[in-house]
């Protein structure tokens, strides 16, 4: 007997890009809006069965038009975001099909996340229950005071910079967010919600660059990566 395991990619696209100074998701990069590249990679991942997009209500028409441009293979649905990121994630989880067993939470502003990394995270989640894409910290780290003066060097041994996708069993991430909500806490990272609830999370090392677009200075590198992928 073959059992089907429903895997959903939940793309969080309800932010306002305040640090960018504009709605970064709609900046054109290599022929598509930035968010189009992110959506396309989720659609191409072999492990993803369906995509749930958490968006602002006023941008839904733009997303619907973008979906028509992308030639998508996987079914998708939209849901309105909330006041905080974790509220948007919660709304997305509620919109997942009732038989969803695994969910990958993805930042819309990571357009270079490869389908291979998404698949690797789902595979690791099936072993551990909760995983996050991450890379080892290579730069020297300094702690700086409010006056921009270095206070100390931080030991980078064992430090990782976490990214997305963050993949969880549906039962674990719902339990974690229920705990956070009942405790009145706010986290901008879903693995932090798991930590708060006492749920262990494992890392999946990103073999390729997987940057998030936050500042204008991020764009040239991301554009180069997308062009390199296309080439």
Protein backbone atom coordinates (compact mmCIF):
# COMPACT_ATOMS: atom_id res chain seq x y z
CA UNK A 1 0.00 0.00 0.00
CA UNK A 2 1.33 3.47 -0.94
CA UNK A 3 0.68 6.36 1.43
CA UNK A 4 0.66 9.92 0.06
CA UNK A 5 2.37 12.54 2.21
CA UNK A 6 1.14 16.09 1.56
CA UNK A 7 3.97 18.63 1.52
CA UNK A 8 3.15 22.33 1.30
CA UNK A 9 5.43 25.31 0.67
CA UNK A 10 4.25 28.39 2.56
CA UNK A 11 5.70 31.60 1.09
CA UNK A 12 5.51 34.61 3.40
CA UNK A 13 5.07 37.70 1.21
CA UNK A 14 3.05 40.07 3.40
CA UNK A 15 5.89 42.36 4.57
CA UNK A 16 6.36 45.96 3.50
CA UNK A 17 10.12 46.01 2.86
CA UNK A 18 10.66 49.07 5.07
CA UNK A 19 14.44 48.72 5.22
CA UNK A 20 14.56 48.63 1.42
CA UNK A 21 12.63 51.87 1.04
CA UNK A 22 10.28 50.27 -1.52
CA UNK A 23 8.33 47.06 -2.09
CA UNK A 24 11.35 44.95 -2.90
CA UNK A 25 9.32 41.91 -3.93
CA UNK A 26 8.32 43.60 -7.19
CA UNK A 27 11.75 44.78 -8.28
CA UNK A 28 12.56 43.34 -11.71
CA UNK A 29 15.52 40.94 -11.70
CA UNK A 30 16.49 38.92 -14.76
CA UNK A 31 13.09 39.33 -16.41
CA UNK A 32 10.86 38.64 -13.41
CA UNK A 33 9.84 40.38 -10.19
CA UNK A 34 12.04 39.21 -7.33
CA UNK A 35 9.15 37.27 -5.77
CA UNK A 36 8.54 35.48 -9.07
CA UNK A 37 11.92 33.75 -8.81
CA UNK A 38 11.14 32.60 -5.27
CA UNK A 39 7.73 31.26 -6.31
CA UNK A 40 9.18 29.54 -9.38
CA UNK A 41 11.76 27.64 -7.30
CA UNK A 42 9.04 26.44 -4.91
CA UNK A 43 6.94 25.30 -7.87
CA UNK A 44 9.89 23.42 -9.38
CA UNK A 45 10.83 21.55 -6.20
CA UNK A 46 9.96 17.87 -6.61
CA UNK A 47 8.96 17.57 -2.95
CA UNK A 48 6.37 20.37 -3.02
CA UNK A 49 2.75 19.40 -3.72
CA UNK A 50 1.09 22.77 -3.24
CA UNK A 51 2.05 26.40 -2.54
CA UNK A 52 0.29 28.72 -0.08
CA UNK A 53 1.13 32.40 -0.53
CA UNK A 54 0.60 34.78 2.39
CA UNK A 55 0.14 38.25 0.86
CA UNK A 56 -1.23 41.69 1.63
CA UNK A 57 -4.79 42.08 0.44
CA UNK A 58 -3.92 45.06 -1.75
CA UNK A 59 -1.25 43.05 -3.61
CA UNK A 60 -3.34 39.95 -4.31
CA UNK A 61 -4.26 41.04 -7.85
CA UNK A 62 -0.57 41.50 -8.66
CA UNK A 63 0.21 38.02 -7.40
CA UNK A 64 -2.65 36.54 -9.40
CA UNK A 65 -1.27 38.18 -12.55
CA UNK A 66 2.24 36.96 -11.73
CA UNK A 67 0.97 33.40 -11.30
CA UNK A 68 -0.42 33.58 -14.83
CA UNK A 69 3.00 34.59 -16.17
CA UNK A 70 5.01 31.84 -14.50
CA UNK A 71 3.56 28.75 -16.17
CA UNK A 72 3.18 27.01 -12.82
CA UNK A 73 2.68 23.28 -12.40
CA UNK A 74 1.63 23.10 -8.74
CA UNK A 75 -1.72 24.28 -7.33
CA UNK A 76 -1.56 27.42 -5.22
CA UNK A 77 -3.78 29.50 -2.99
CA UNK A 78 -3.65 32.95 -1.39
CA UNK A 79 -4.34 34.06 2.17
CA UNK A 80 -4.12 37.50 3.77
CA UNK A 81 -1.18 38.18 6.08
CA UNK A 82 -1.29 39.41 9.68
CA UNK A 83 0.22 42.22 11.72
CA UNK A 84 3.42 40.29 12.58
CA UNK A 85 5.34 37.69 10.62
CA UNK A 86 4.25 34.92 12.97
CA UNK A 87 0.63 36.01 12.47
CA UNK A 88 1.14 35.65 8.72
CA UNK A 89 2.67 32.20 9.17
CA UNK A 90 -0.26 31.19 11.38
CA UNK A 91 -2.71 32.37 8.71
CA UNK A 92 -0.82 30.37 6.10
CA UNK A 93 -0.89 27.24 8.22
CA UNK A 94 -4.65 27.56 8.62
CA UNK A 95 -4.97 27.75 4.82
CA UNK A 96 -3.01 24.53 4.21
CA UNK A 97 -5.00 21.45 3.13
CA UNK A 98 -6.28 19.43 6.08
CA UNK A 99 -4.06 16.47 5.17
CA UNK A 100 -0.82 18.50 5.16
CA UNK A 101 1.90 16.65 7.06
CA UNK A 102 4.96 18.75 6.21
CA UNK A 103 5.31 22.47 5.58
CA UNK A 104 8.25 24.53 4.30
CA UNK A 105 8.14 28.18 5.37
CA UNK A 106 9.97 30.38 2.87
CA UNK A 107 10.84 34.08 2.83
CA UNK A 108 9.51 35.63 -0.38
CA UNK A 109 12.66 37.79 -0.55
CA UNK A 110 15.02 34.80 -1.03
CA UNK A 111 14.85 34.43 -4.82
CA UNK A 112 17.94 32.21 -5.11
CA UNK A 113 16.78 29.33 -2.89
CA UNK A 114 17.33 26.31 -5.10
CA UNK A 115 14.80 23.56 -5.61
CA UNK A 116 17.53 21.13 -4.54
CA UNK A 117 17.86 22.85 -1.15
CA UNK A 118 14.08 22.80 -0.67
CA UNK A 119 14.02 19.06 -1.40
CA UNK A 120 16.98 18.43 0.93
CA UNK A 121 15.22 20.26 3.77
CA UNK A 122 12.05 18.19 3.33
CA UNK A 123 14.10 15.00 3.38
CA UNK A 124 15.90 16.05 6.55
CA UNK A 125 12.63 17.10 8.20
CA UNK A 126 11.25 13.62 7.67
CA UNK A 127 14.13 12.34 9.82
CA UNK A 128 14.17 15.06 12.49
CA UNK A 129 10.78 16.78 12.52
CA UNK A 130 12.10 20.35 12.30
CA UNK A 131 15.00 21.70 10.20
CA UNK A 132 16.32 24.98 8.83
CA UNK A 133 18.62 25.84 5.94
CA UNK A 134 21.73 27.57 7.26
CA UNK A 135 25.38 28.31 6.59
CA UNK A 136 28.38 28.42 8.89
CA UNK A 137 29.46 31.89 9.98
CA UNK A 138 32.81 32.61 8.34
CA UNK A 139 33.32 36.33 9.08
CA UNK A 140 34.90 37.63 12.25
CA UNK A 141 32.10 38.83 14.55
CA UNK A 142 32.24 41.90 16.79
CA UNK A 143 29.85 43.12 19.46
CA UNK A 144 29.36 46.89 19.06
CA UNK A 145 27.91 49.40 21.54
CA UNK A 146 25.32 52.10 20.77
CA UNK A 147 28.11 54.48 19.74
CA UNK A 148 29.46 52.14 17.03
CA UNK A 149 32.48 51.27 19.16
CA UNK A 150 33.66 47.64 19.22
CA UNK A 151 33.22 46.08 22.65
CA UNK A 152 34.50 42.56 22.03
CA UNK A 153 35.15 39.83 19.50
CA UNK A 154 32.51 37.11 19.48
CA UNK A 155 33.68 33.51 19.21
CA UNK A 156 32.14 32.20 15.97
CA UNK A 157 32.73 28.54 16.84
CA UNK A 158 29.45 26.70 16.40
CA UNK A 159 27.63 29.76 15.01
CA UNK A 160 25.37 29.40 11.98
CA UNK A 161 23.36 31.99 10.07
CA UNK A 162 19.87 30.60 9.51
CA UNK A 163 17.92 31.10 6.31
CA UNK A 164 14.80 29.64 4.76
CA UNK A 165 13.29 27.25 3.95
CA UNK A 166 12.45 26.16 7.47
CA UNK A 167 10.65 22.83 7.26
CA UNK A 168 8.51 21.30 10.00
CA UNK A 169 5.99 18.59 10.57
CA UNK A 170 2.64 20.33 10.70
CA UNK A 171 2.03 19.03 14.22
CA UNK A 172 5.30 20.52 15.56
CA UNK A 173 5.01 24.00 14.04
CA UNK A 174 1.36 24.33 15.09
CA UNK A 175 2.32 23.29 18.62
CA UNK A 176 5.19 25.80 18.69
CA UNK A 177 3.11 28.72 17.44
CA UNK A 178 0.24 27.86 19.77
CA UNK A 179 2.70 28.04 22.67
CA UNK A 180 4.11 31.38 21.48
CA UNK A 181 0.65 32.85 21.01
CA UNK A 182 -0.58 31.68 24.41
CA UNK A 183 2.55 33.12 26.07
CA UNK A 184 2.12 36.47 24.31
CA UNK A 185 5.56 36.27 22.69
CA UNK A 186 6.57 37.58 19.25
CA UNK A 187 9.33 35.96 17.17
CA UNK A 188 10.46 36.82 13.65
CA UNK A 189 11.94 33.36 13.12
CA UNK A 190 9.93 30.14 13.21
CA UNK A 191 12.78 28.08 14.63
CA UNK A 192 12.87 30.51 17.58
CA UNK A 193 9.22 29.63 18.21
CA UNK A 194 10.24 25.96 18.28
CA UNK A 195 13.06 26.72 20.71
CA UNK A 196 10.60 28.56 22.97
CA UNK A 197 8.35 25.49 22.93
CA UNK A 198 11.25 23.13 23.65
CA UNK A 199 11.22 21.55 20.19
CA UNK A 200 14.70 20.70 18.82
CA UNK A 201 15.64 21.95 15.35
CA UNK A 202 18.44 20.65 13.09
CA UNK A 203 20.35 22.59 10.43
CA UNK A 204 20.70 21.67 6.76
CA UNK A 205 23.82 23.28 5.33
CA UNK A 206 23.28 25.45 2.25
CA UNK A 207 25.83 24.41 -0.33
CA UNK A 208 25.10 27.41 -2.58
CA UNK A 209 24.48 31.12 -1.82
CA UNK A 210 20.94 31.72 -0.58
CA UNK A 211 20.80 35.46 0.23
CA UNK A 212 17.79 37.43 1.40
CA UNK A 213 17.24 40.80 -0.25
CA UNK A 214 17.06 43.35 2.56
CA UNK A 215 19.02 46.40 1.40
CA UNK A 216 19.64 47.93 -2.06
CA UNK A 217 23.25 46.76 -1.83
CA UNK A 218 22.03 43.13 -1.93
CA UNK A 219 20.63 43.47 -5.45
CA UNK A 220 23.78 43.25 -7.63
CA UNK A 221 24.87 39.95 -6.06
CA UNK A 222 21.38 38.47 -6.29
CA UNK A 223 21.05 39.60 -9.92
CA UNK A 224 24.37 37.94 -10.73
CA UNK A 225 23.28 34.68 -9.05
CA UNK A 226 20.00 34.59 -10.98
CA UNK A 227 21.74 35.27 -14.28
CA UNK A 228 24.31 32.57 -13.49
CA UNK A 229 21.52 30.08 -12.75
CA UNK A 230 19.77 30.91 -16.02
CA UNK A 231 23.00 30.62 -17.95
